[in-house]
Amino acid sequence: MKSYKLFALPYIALLFLLAGCGSPSGHVKVSNIPEVSSNQVATIEVFDVGEMPEREFRQIAYLSYDGIMGEFLDVVREFKIKAREIGADAIILDEPVPYTGDRYPYEHLMYRAIAIGYQAQGARASR
């Protein structure tokens, strides 16, 4: 076997590794809350700042996205993708928090949301 083929193998492996890091939900950070929903639903409901669902729910995870002004629609899409992956039924958006970061002088925002799961009707927790 030629020695130049051996040198190409690590570069090919690095290329595949970097390609996997570019997935759409790769930018959303999740802080898990101990209880996770097992319900998988096709549609994720979105509640804006100050809105609350009428049904009973439990928090599943806190979501955050490091972005800039004008990325709101992309951020909501990313939150919905991540919420679906972790089994949430809906997300509740929170106000973005401005701060300085790597993209200075552009305004840097930390978008935030809470992924929630709905409580089953008539279900009670055992004690």
Protein backbone atom coordinates (compact mmCIF):
# COMPACT_ATOMS: atom_id res chain seq x y z
CA MET A 1 0.00 0.00 0.00
CA LYS A 2 1.33 3.39 -0.92
CA SER A 3 2.24 5.67 1.98
CA TYR A 4 0.40 8.70 0.54
CA LYS A 5 -2.91 6.81 0.94
CA LEU A 6 -2.26 6.48 4.66
CA PHE A 7 -1.81 10.25 4.98
CA ALA A 8 -5.14 10.95 3.24
CA LEU A 9 -7.17 8.82 5.65
CA PRO A 10 -7.00 11.24 8.64
CA TYR A 11 -8.05 14.16 6.41
CA ILE A 12 -11.06 12.23 5.13
CA ALA A 13 -12.05 11.32 8.70
CA LEU A 14 -11.72 14.99 9.73
CA LEU A 15 -13.94 16.03 6.81
CA PHE A 16 -16.73 13.66 7.94
CA LEU A 17 -16.38 14.85 11.53
CA LEU A 18 -16.72 18.50 10.52
CA ALA A 19 -19.69 17.75 8.25
CA GLY A 20 -21.58 16.26 11.23
CA CYS A 21 -21.06 19.44 13.25
CA GLY A 22 -23.01 21.53 10.74
CA SER A 23 -26.45 20.10 11.51
CA PRO A 24 -29.30 22.66 11.84
CA SER A 25 -29.88 22.06 15.54
CA GLY A 26 -26.17 22.19 16.35
CA HIS A 27 -26.36 25.75 17.69
CA VAL A 28 -29.09 25.24 20.28
CA LYS A 29 -27.87 24.55 23.81
CA VAL A 30 -30.05 22.49 26.15
CA SER A 31 -30.07 22.38 29.95
CA ASN A 32 -32.08 19.33 30.94
CA ILE A 33 -34.59 19.34 33.74
CA PRO A 34 -34.70 15.93 35.48
CA GLU A 35 -38.01 14.74 33.97
CA VAL A 36 -38.24 14.23 30.20
CA SER A 37 -41.43 13.67 28.18
CA SER A 38 -41.76 10.52 26.12
CA ASN A 39 -44.44 12.01 23.84
CA GLN A 40 -43.34 12.50 20.24
CA VAL A 41 -45.61 14.90 18.34
CA ALA A 42 -45.33 16.16 14.79
CA THR A 43 -46.17 19.79 15.58
CA ILE A 44 -44.52 21.94 18.22
CA GLU A 45 -46.67 24.79 19.52
CA VAL A 46 -44.96 28.15 20.06
CA PHE A 47 -46.01 30.56 22.81
CA ASP A 48 -44.67 34.10 22.64
CA VAL A 49 -43.27 36.09 25.54
CA GLY A 50 -45.93 36.42 28.25
CA GLU A 51 -48.25 33.79 26.74
CA MET A 52 -48.91 30.56 28.63
CA PRO A 53 -50.65 27.40 27.48
CA GLU A 54 -54.11 26.75 28.87
CA ARG A 55 -53.33 23.07 29.47
CA GLU A 56 -51.27 21.85 32.42
CA PHE A 57 -47.62 21.32 31.53
CA ARG A 58 -44.22 20.50 32.95
CA GLN A 59 -40.88 22.02 31.98
CA ILE A 60 -38.57 19.65 30.11
CA ALA A 61 -35.55 21.80 29.23
CA TYR A 62 -34.22 25.33 28.90
CA LEU A 63 -33.13 26.19 25.35
CA SER A 64 -30.75 28.95 24.34
CA TYR A 65 -29.35 30.18 21.03
CA ASP A 66 -26.40 32.50 20.56
CA GLY A 67 -27.29 34.87 17.70
CA ILE A 68 -27.62 38.39 16.34
CA MET A 69 -30.51 40.74 15.50
CA GLY A 70 -32.62 39.57 12.57
CA GLU A 71 -32.25 35.84 13.23
CA PHE A 72 -35.53 35.48 15.13
CA LEU A 73 -37.35 33.27 12.59
CA ASP A 74 -34.30 31.01 12.23
CA VAL A 75 -34.02 30.76 16.01
CA VAL A 76 -37.67 29.73 16.41
CA ARG A 77 -37.17 27.08 13.70
CA GLU A 78 -34.06 25.77 15.50
CA PHE A 79 -35.91 25.71 18.85
CA LYS A 80 -38.77 23.72 17.27
CA ILE A 81 -36.33 21.20 15.78
CA LYS A 82 -34.58 20.71 19.12
CA ALA A 83 -37.88 20.55 21.05
CA ARG A 84 -39.10 17.79 18.72
CA GLU A 85 -35.82 15.89 19.23
CA ILE A 86 -36.18 15.90 23.02
CA GLY A 87 -39.89 15.00 22.99
CA ALA A 88 -41.45 18.34 23.92
CA ASP A 89 -44.98 19.36 22.97
CA ALA A 90 -44.41 23.13 22.87
CA ILE A 91 -41.95 25.94 23.55
CA ILE A 92 -42.44 29.16 25.50
CA LEU A 93 -40.26 31.96 24.17
CA ASP A 94 -38.48 34.36 26.52
CA GLU A 95 -37.03 37.82 25.86
CA PRO A 96 -33.60 37.75 24.15
CA VAL A 97 -30.76 39.06 26.31
CA PRO A 98 -28.21 41.41 24.65
CA TYR A 99 -24.51 41.11 25.40
CA THR A 100 -21.15 41.58 23.72
CA GLY A 101 -19.50 38.54 22.26
CA ASP A 102 -17.44 37.30 19.35
CA ARG A 103 -19.46 39.25 16.78
CA TYR A 104 -18.70 42.74 18.17
CA PRO A 105 -19.63 45.48 17.00
CA TYR A 106 -22.92 43.77 16.02
CA GLU A 107 -25.48 43.40 18.78
CA HIS A 108 -25.15 39.92 20.14
CA LEU A 109 -28.27 38.23 21.58
CA MET A 110 -28.92 35.15 23.66
CA TYR A 111 -32.33 33.88 22.56
CA ARG A 112 -34.06 31.76 25.22
CA ALA A 113 -37.05 29.42 25.44
CA ILE A 114 -38.47 26.69 27.67
CA ALA A 115 -39.41 23.33 26.15
CA ILE A 116 -42.54 21.93 27.81
CA GLY A 117 -44.56 18.73 27.80
CA TYR A 118 -48.29 18.64 28.39
CA GLN A 119 -49.70 16.72 31.35
CA ALA A 120 -52.07 13.88 30.44
CA GLN A 121 -55.73 14.58 31.15
CA GLY A 122 -56.79 13.07 34.46
CA ALA A 123 -53.35 11.62 35.20
CA ARG A 124 -52.03 11.97 38.72
CA ALA A 125 -48.56 11.46 40.03
CA SER A 126 -48.17 8.51 42.38
CA ARG A 127 -46.88 9.32 45.84
